[in-house]
Amino acid sequence: MEEINTIGGKELLMNQEKGLLEIKKRLESLENQAHNKTQVSGIVKFVISFMIVFVLMLVVIGLIQFIRTSN
């Protein structure tokens, strides 16, 4: 009877270890996905900021040209 419990216990431990390894792999893949998203969001923020600054520069240049021609 003790042999059956020992064998069943070993199988249970092996199943738990497999489950833990699967959870660990899943966690690593999620961390990689999160890291990739932060890189992409940083690039998107930079592009949006660049476009805003570019448009503002065009508006300021247009205002300066308008004021010069009206004098």
PDB file of N, CA and C in Angstrom:
ATOM      1  N   MET A   1       0.824  -1.184   0.000  1.00  0.00           N
ATOM      2  CA  MET A   1       0.000   0.000   0.000  1.00  0.00           C
ATOM      3  C   MET A   1       0.872   1.254   0.000  1.00  0.00           C
ATOM      4  N   GLU A   2       1.964   1.228   0.751  1.00  0.00           N
ATOM      5  CA  GLU A   2       2.854   2.388   0.796  1.00  0.00           C
ATOM      6  C   GLU A   2       3.529   2.612  -0.554  1.00  0.00           C
ATOM      7  N   GLU A   3       3.825   1.508  -1.281  1.00  0.00           N
ATOM      8  CA  GLU A   3       4.427   1.654  -2.600  1.00  0.00           C
ATOM      9  C   GLU A   3       3.490   2.389  -3.542  1.00  0.00           C
ATOM     10  N   ILE A   4       2.214   2.105  -3.485  1.00  0.00           N
ATOM     11  CA  ILE A   4       1.240   2.762  -4.340  1.00  0.00           C
ATOM     12  C   ILE A   4       1.185   4.244  -4.009  1.00  0.00           C
ATOM     13  N   ASN A   5       1.194   4.604  -2.736  1.00  0.00           N
ATOM     14  CA  ASN A   5       1.181   6.011  -2.330  1.00  0.00           C
ATOM     15  C   ASN A   5       2.448   6.716  -2.786  1.00  0.00           C
ATOM     16  N   THR A   6       3.588   6.040  -2.686  1.00  0.00           N
ATOM     17  CA  THR A   6       4.845   6.645  -3.112  1.00  0.00           C
ATOM     18  C   THR A   6       4.844   6.869  -4.616  1.00  0.00           C
ATOM     19  N   ILE A   7       4.389   5.887  -5.360  1.00  0.00           N
ATOM     20  CA  ILE A   7       4.332   6.028  -6.811  1.00  0.00           C
ATOM     21  C   ILE A   7       3.335   7.114  -7.195  1.00  0.00           C
ATOM     22  N   GLY A   8       2.177   7.111  -6.563  1.00  0.00           N
ATOM     23  CA  GLY A   8       1.183   8.146  -6.837  1.00  0.00           C
ATOM     24  C   GLY A   8       1.705   9.517  -6.459  1.00  0.00           C
ATOM     25  N   GLY A   9       2.454   9.597  -5.369  1.00  0.00           N
ATOM     26  CA  GLY A   9       3.041  10.868  -4.935  1.00  0.00           C
ATOM     27  C   GLY A   9       4.056  11.378  -5.929  1.00  0.00           C
ATOM     28  N   LYS A  10       4.868  10.458  -6.478  1.00  0.00           N
ATOM     29  CA  LYS A  10       5.865  10.857  -7.479  1.00  0.00           C
ATOM     30  C   LYS A  10       5.179  11.377  -8.734  1.00  0.00           C
ATOM     31  N   GLU A  11       4.119  10.677  -9.150  1.00  0.00           N
ATOM     32  CA  GLU A  11       3.387  11.117 -10.329  1.00  0.00           C
ATOM     33  C   GLU A  11       2.762  12.489 -10.092  1.00  0.00           C
ATOM     34  N   LEU A  12       2.239  12.687  -8.887  1.00  0.00           N
ATOM     35  CA  LEU A  12       1.629  13.969  -8.545  1.00  0.00           C
ATOM     36  C   LEU A  12       2.672  15.082  -8.587  1.00  0.00           C
ATOM     37  N   LEU A  13       3.858  14.799  -8.022  1.00  0.00           N
ATOM     38  CA  LEU A  13       4.935  15.798  -8.052  1.00  0.00           C
ATOM     39  C   LEU A  13       5.373  16.086  -9.481  1.00  0.00           C
ATOM     40  N   MET A  14       5.461  15.060 -10.315  1.00  0.00           N
ATOM     41  CA  MET A  14       5.867  15.271 -11.704  1.00  0.00           C
ATOM     42  C   MET A  14       4.828  16.114 -12.440  1.00  0.00           C
ATOM     43  N   ASN A  15       3.548  15.833 -12.196  1.00  0.00           N
ATOM     44  CA  ASN A  15       2.494  16.626 -12.829  1.00  0.00           C
ATOM     45  C   ASN A  15       2.547  18.076 -12.357  1.00  0.00           C
ATOM     46  N   GLN A  16       2.822  18.273 -11.072  1.00  0.00           N
ATOM     47  CA  GLN A  16       2.917  19.639 -10.548  1.00  0.00           C
ATOM     48  C   GLN A  16       4.109  20.362 -11.159  1.00  0.00           C
ATOM     49  N   GLU A  17       5.242  19.657 -11.303  1.00  0.00           N
ATOM     50  CA  GLU A  17       6.418  20.274 -11.913  1.00  0.00           C
ATOM     51  C   GLU A  17       6.146  20.649 -13.367  1.00  0.00           C
ATOM     52  N   LYS A  18       5.450  19.762 -14.091  1.00  0.00           N
ATOM     53  CA  LYS A  18       5.102  20.073 -15.479  1.00  0.00           C
ATOM     54  C   LYS A  18       4.200  21.296 -15.536  1.00  0.00           C
ATOM     55  N   GLY A  19       3.241  21.352 -14.618  1.00  0.00           N
ATOM     56  CA  GLY A  19       2.345  22.505 -14.567  1.00  0.00           C
ATOM     57  C   GLY A  19       3.102  23.787 -14.273  1.00  0.00           C
ATOM     58  N   LEU A  20       4.046  23.708 -13.336  1.00  0.00           N
ATOM     59  CA  LEU A  20       4.851  24.887 -12.997  1.00  0.00           C
ATOM     60  C   LEU A  20       5.714  25.321 -14.180  1.00  0.00           C
ATOM     61  N   LEU A  21       6.273  24.367 -14.901  1.00  0.00           N
ATOM     62  CA  LEU A  21       7.080  24.705 -16.072  1.00  0.00           C
ATOM     63  C   LEU A  21       6.224  25.372 -17.149  1.00  0.00           C
ATOM     64  N   GLU A  22       5.011  24.871 -17.344  1.00  0.00           N
ATOM     65  CA  GLU A  22       4.119  25.489 -18.317  1.00  0.00           C
ATOM     66  C   GLU A  22       3.763  26.912 -17.904  1.00  0.00           C
ATOM     67  N   ILE A  23       3.505  27.106 -16.611  1.00  0.00           N
ATOM     68  CA  ILE A  23       3.189  28.451 -16.105  1.00  0.00           C
ATOM     69  C   ILE A  23       4.383  29.375 -16.291  1.00  0.00           C
ATOM     70  N   LYS A  24       5.587  28.852 -16.035  1.00  0.00           N
ATOM     71  CA  LYS A  24       6.799  29.657 -16.190  1.00  0.00           C
ATOM     72  C   LYS A  24       6.995  30.070 -17.647  1.00  0.00           C
ATOM     73  N   LYS A  25       6.785  29.136 -18.577  1.00  0.00           N
ATOM     74  CA  LYS A  25       6.919  29.461 -20.006  1.00  0.00           C
ATOM     75  C   LYS A  25       5.892  30.508 -20.411  1.00  0.00           C
ATOM     76  N   ARG A  26       4.672  30.350 -19.918  1.00  0.00           N
ATOM     77  CA  ARG A  26       3.598  31.303 -20.243  1.00  0.00           C
ATOM     78  C   ARG A  26       3.948  32.690 -19.707  1.00  0.00           C
ATOM     79  N   LEU A  27       4.475  32.748 -18.493  1.00  0.00           N
ATOM     80  CA  LEU A  27       4.863  34.025 -17.895  1.00  0.00           C
ATOM     81  C   LEU A  27       5.969  34.693 -18.707  1.00  0.00           C
ATOM     82  N   GLU A  28       6.943  33.907 -19.141  1.00  0.00           N
ATOM     83  CA  GLU A  28       8.029  34.463 -19.956  1.00  0.00           C
ATOM     84  C   GLU A  28       7.503  35.022 -21.274  1.00  0.00           C
ATOM     85  N   SER A  29       6.578  34.307 -21.901  1.00  0.00           N
ATOM     86  CA  SER A  29       6.035  34.800 -23.173  1.00  0.00           C
ATOM     87  C   SER A  29       5.228  36.081 -22.948  1.00  0.00           C
ATOM     88  N   LEU A  30       4.491  36.153 -21.845  1.00  0.00           N
ATOM     89  CA  LEU A  30       3.741  37.373 -21.547  1.00  0.00           C
ATOM     90  C   LEU A  30       4.671  38.549 -21.257  1.00  0.00           C
ATOM     91  N   GLU A  31       5.779  38.283 -20.559  1.00  0.00           N
ATOM     92  CA  GLU A  31       6.754  39.344 -20.297  1.00  0.00           C
ATOM     93  C   GLU A  31       7.357  39.851 -21.601  1.00  0.00           C
ATOM     94  N   ASN A  32       7.643  38.943 -22.528  1.00  0.00           N
ATOM     95  CA  ASN A  32       8.194  39.350 -23.826  1.00  0.00           C
ATOM     96  C   ASN A  32       7.185  40.190 -24.595  1.00  0.00           C
ATOM     97  N   GLN A  33       5.919  39.805 -24.561  1.00  0.00           N
ATOM     98  CA  GLN A  33       4.884  40.575 -25.244  1.00  0.00           C
ATOM     99  C   GLN A  33       4.765  41.965 -24.632  1.00  0.00           C
ATOM    100  N   ALA A  34       4.809  42.053 -23.302  1.00  0.00           N
ATOM    101  CA  ALA A  34       4.709  43.350 -22.634  1.00  0.00           C
ATOM    102  C   ALA A  34       5.904  44.229 -22.994  1.00  0.00           C
ATOM    103  N   HIS A  35       7.082  43.636 -23.068  1.00  0.00           N
ATOM    104  CA  HIS A  35       8.284  44.399 -23.418  1.00  0.00           C
ATOM    105  C   HIS A  35       8.175  44.935 -24.837  1.00  0.00           C
ATOM    106  N   ASN A  36       7.683  44.120 -25.757  1.00  0.00           N
ATOM    107  CA  ASN A  36       7.522  44.554 -27.147  1.00  0.00           C
ATOM    108  C   ASN A  36       6.493  45.672 -27.256  1.00  0.00           C
ATOM    109  N   LYS A  37       5.426  45.606 -26.481  1.00  0.00           N
ATOM    110  CA  LYS A  37       4.400  46.644 -26.534  1.00  0.00           C
ATOM    111  C   LYS A  37       4.947  47.972 -26.035  1.00  0.00           C
ATOM    112  N   THR A  38       5.802  47.948 -25.020  1.00  0.00           N
ATOM    113  CA  THR A  38       6.348  49.211 -24.523  1.00  0.00           C
ATOM    114  C   THR A  38       7.264  49.840 -25.561  1.00  0.00           C
ATOM    115  N   GLN A  39       7.992  49.028 -26.311  1.00  0.00           N
ATOM    116  CA  GLN A  39       8.848  49.576 -27.365  1.00  0.00           C
ATOM    117  C   GLN A  39       7.992  50.203 -28.456  1.00  0.00           C
ATOM    118  N   VAL A  40       6.923  49.544 -28.842  1.00  0.00           N
ATOM    119  CA  VAL A  40       6.056  50.058 -29.903  1.00  0.00           C
ATOM    120  C   VAL A  40       5.361  51.328 -29.438  1.00  0.00           C
ATOM    121  N   SER A  41       4.866  51.332 -28.212  1.00  0.00           N
ATOM    122  CA  SER A  41       4.160  52.517 -27.733  1.00  0.00           C
ATOM    123  C   SER A  41       5.116  53.710 -27.622  1.00  0.00           C
ATOM    124  N   GLY A  42       6.381  53.472 -27.321  1.00  0.00           N
ATOM    125  CA  GLY A  42       7.364  54.553 -27.286  1.00  0.00           C
ATOM    126  C   GLY A  42       7.584  55.150 -28.656  1.00  0.00           C
ATOM    127  N   ILE A  43       7.628  54.302 -29.664  1.00  0.00           N
ATOM    128  CA  ILE A  43       7.801  54.782 -31.040  1.00  0.00           C
ATOM    129  C   ILE A  43       6.574  55.575 -31.473  1.00  0.00           C
ATOM    130  N   VAL A  44       5.387  55.083 -31.144  1.00  0.00           N
ATOM    131  CA  VAL A  44       4.151  55.777 -31.511  1.00  0.00           C
ATOM    132  C   VAL A  44       4.089  57.148 -30.836  1.00  0.00           C
ATOM    133  N   LYS A  45       4.462  57.212 -29.572  1.00  0.00           N
ATOM    134  CA  LYS A  45       4.468  58.504 -28.860  1.00  0.00           C
ATOM    135  C   LYS A  45       5.432  59.479 -29.521  1.00  0.00           C
ATOM    136  N   PHE A  46       6.596  58.987 -29.936  1.00  0.00           N
ATOM    137  CA  PHE A  46       7.571  59.855 -30.584  1.00  0.00           C
ATOM    138  C   PHE A  46       7.024  60.401 -31.902  1.00  0.00           C
ATOM    139  N   VAL A  47       6.411  59.533 -32.708  1.00  0.00           N
ATOM    140  CA  VAL A  47       5.887  59.957 -34.012  1.00  0.00           C
ATOM    141  C   VAL A  47       4.774  60.987 -33.825  1.00  0.00           C
ATOM    142  N   ILE A  48       3.880  60.750 -32.879  1.00  0.00           N
ATOM    143  CA  ILE A  48       2.788  61.704 -32.632  1.00  0.00           C
ATOM    144  C   ILE A  48       3.351  63.041 -32.155  1.00  0.00           C
ATOM    145  N   SER A  49       4.315  63.004 -31.259  1.00  0.00           N
ATOM    146  CA  SER A  49       4.929  64.246 -30.771  1.00  0.00           C
ATOM    147  C   SER A  49       5.611  64.994 -31.907  1.00  0.00           C
ATOM    148  N   PHE A  50       6.323  64.267 -32.744  1.00  0.00           N
ATOM    149  CA  PHE A  50       7.011  64.888 -33.881  1.00  0.00           C
ATOM    150  C   PHE A  50       6.005  65.564 -34.806  1.00  0.00           C
ATOM    151  N   MET A  51       4.899  64.902 -35.093  1.00  0.00           N
ATOM    152  CA  MET A  51       3.897  65.482 -35.994  1.00  0.00           C
ATOM    153  C   MET A  51       3.262  66.729 -35.378  1.00  0.00           C
ATOM    154  N   ILE A  52       2.999  66.717 -34.083  1.00  0.00           N
ATOM    155  CA  ILE A  52       2.420  67.888 -33.419  1.00  0.00           C
ATOM    156  C   ILE A  52       3.373  69.071 -33.502  1.00  0.00           C
ATOM    157  N   VAL A  53       4.644  68.826 -33.221  1.00  0.00           N
ATOM    158  CA  VAL A  53       5.638  69.903 -33.291  1.00  0.00           C
ATOM    159  C   VAL A  53       5.751  70.416 -34.727  1.00  0.00           C
ATOM    160  N   PHE A  54       5.728  69.536 -35.698  1.00  0.00           N
ATOM    161  CA  PHE A  54       5.828  69.934 -37.104  1.00  0.00           C
ATOM    162  C   PHE A  54       4.647  70.819 -37.507  1.00  0.00           C
ATOM    163  N   VAL A  55       3.434  70.430 -37.132  1.00  0.00           N
ATOM    164  CA  VAL A  55       2.246  71.216 -37.464  1.00  0.00           C
ATOM    165  C   VAL A  55       2.295  72.574 -36.765  1.00  0.00           C
ATOM    166  N   LEU A  56       2.709  72.593 -35.508  1.00  0.00           N
ATOM    167  CA  LEU A  56       2.821  73.864 -34.799  1.00  0.00           C
ATOM    168  C   LEU A  56       3.843  74.788 -35.459  1.00  0.00           C
ATOM    169  N   MET A  57       4.935  74.220 -35.931  1.00  0.00           N
ATOM    170  CA  MET A  57       5.927  75.037 -36.631  1.00  0.00           C
ATOM    171  C   MET A  57       5.339  75.628 -37.902  1.00  0.00           C
ATOM    172  N   LEU A  58       4.573  74.841 -38.640  1.00  0.00           N
ATOM    173  CA  LEU A  58       3.943  75.358 -39.855  1.00  0.00           C
ATOM    174  C   LEU A  58       2.963  76.489 -39.529  1.00  0.00           C
ATOM    175  N   VAL A  59       2.204  76.354 -38.462  1.00  0.00           N
ATOM    176  CA  VAL A  59       1.256  77.399 -38.057  1.00  0.00           C
ATOM    177  C   VAL A  59       2.007  78.676 -37.694  1.00  0.00           C
ATOM    178  N   VAL A  60       3.077  78.545 -36.932  1.00  0.00           N
ATOM    179  CA  VAL A  60       3.856  79.723 -36.532  1.00  0.00           C
ATOM    180  C   VAL A  60       4.467  80.390 -37.763  1.00  0.00           C
ATOM    181  N   ILE A  61       5.004  79.617 -38.678  1.00  0.00           N
ATOM    182  CA  ILE A  61       5.579  80.183 -39.905  1.00  0.00           C
ATOM    183  C   ILE A  61       4.491  80.899 -40.705  1.00  0.00           C
ATOM    184  N   GLY A  62       3.320  80.292 -40.786  1.00  0.00           N
ATOM    185  CA  GLY A  62       2.207  80.924 -41.502  1.00  0.00           C
ATOM    186  C   GLY A  62       1.799  82.230 -40.855  1.00  0.00           C
ATOM    187  N   LEU A  63       1.743  82.276 -39.532  1.00  0.00           N
ATOM    188  CA  LEU A  63       1.395  83.522 -38.834  1.00  0.00           C
ATOM    189  C   LEU A  63       2.437  84.606 -39.080  1.00  0.00           C
ATOM    190  N   ILE A  64       3.704  84.223 -39.041  1.00  0.00           N
ATOM    191  CA  ILE A  64       4.771  85.200 -39.279  1.00  0.00           C
ATOM    192  C   ILE A  64       4.660  85.750 -40.697  1.00  0.00           C
ATOM    193  N   GLN A  65       4.433  84.890 -41.682  1.00  0.00           N
ATOM    194  CA  GLN A  65       4.279  85.331 -43.068  1.00  0.00           C
ATOM    195  C   GLN A  65       3.072  86.254 -43.220  1.00  0.00           C
ATOM    196  N   PHE A  66       1.974  85.930 -42.543  1.00  0.00           N
ATOM    197  CA  PHE A  66       0.758  86.729 -42.609  1.00  0.00           C
ATOM    198  C   PHE A  66       0.987  88.119 -42.022  1.00  0.00           C
ATOM    199  N   ILE A  67       1.691  88.155 -40.884  1.00  0.00           N
ATOM    200  CA  ILE A  67       1.954  89.455 -40.239  1.00  0.00           C
ATOM    201  C   ILE A  67       2.904  90.288 -41.101  1.00  0.00           C
ATOM    202  N   ARG A  68       3.903  89.688 -41.726  1.00  0.00           N
ATOM    203  CA  ARG A  68       4.851  90.413 -42.564  1.00  0.00           C
ATOM    204  C   ARG A  68       4.156  91.007 -43.795  1.00  0.00           C
ATOM    205  N   THR A  69       3.271  90.246 -44.406  1.00  0.00           N
ATOM    206  CA  THR A  69       2.645  90.724 -45.629  1.00  0.00           C
ATOM    207  C   THR A  69       1.579  91.793 -45.338  1.00  0.00           C
ATOM    208  N   SER A  70       1.017  91.807 -44.140  1.00  0.00           N
ATOM    209  CA  SER A  70      -0.023  92.791 -43.824  1.00  0.00           C
ATOM    210  C   SER A  70       0.607  94.156 -43.479  1.00  0.00           C
ATOM    211  N   ASN A  71       1.883  94.216 -43.150  1.00  0.00           N
ATOM    212  CA  ASN A  71       2.545  95.487 -42.844  1.00  0.00           C
ATOM    213  C   ASN A  71       2.944  96.140 -44.081  1.00  0.00           C
TER     214      ASN A  71
END
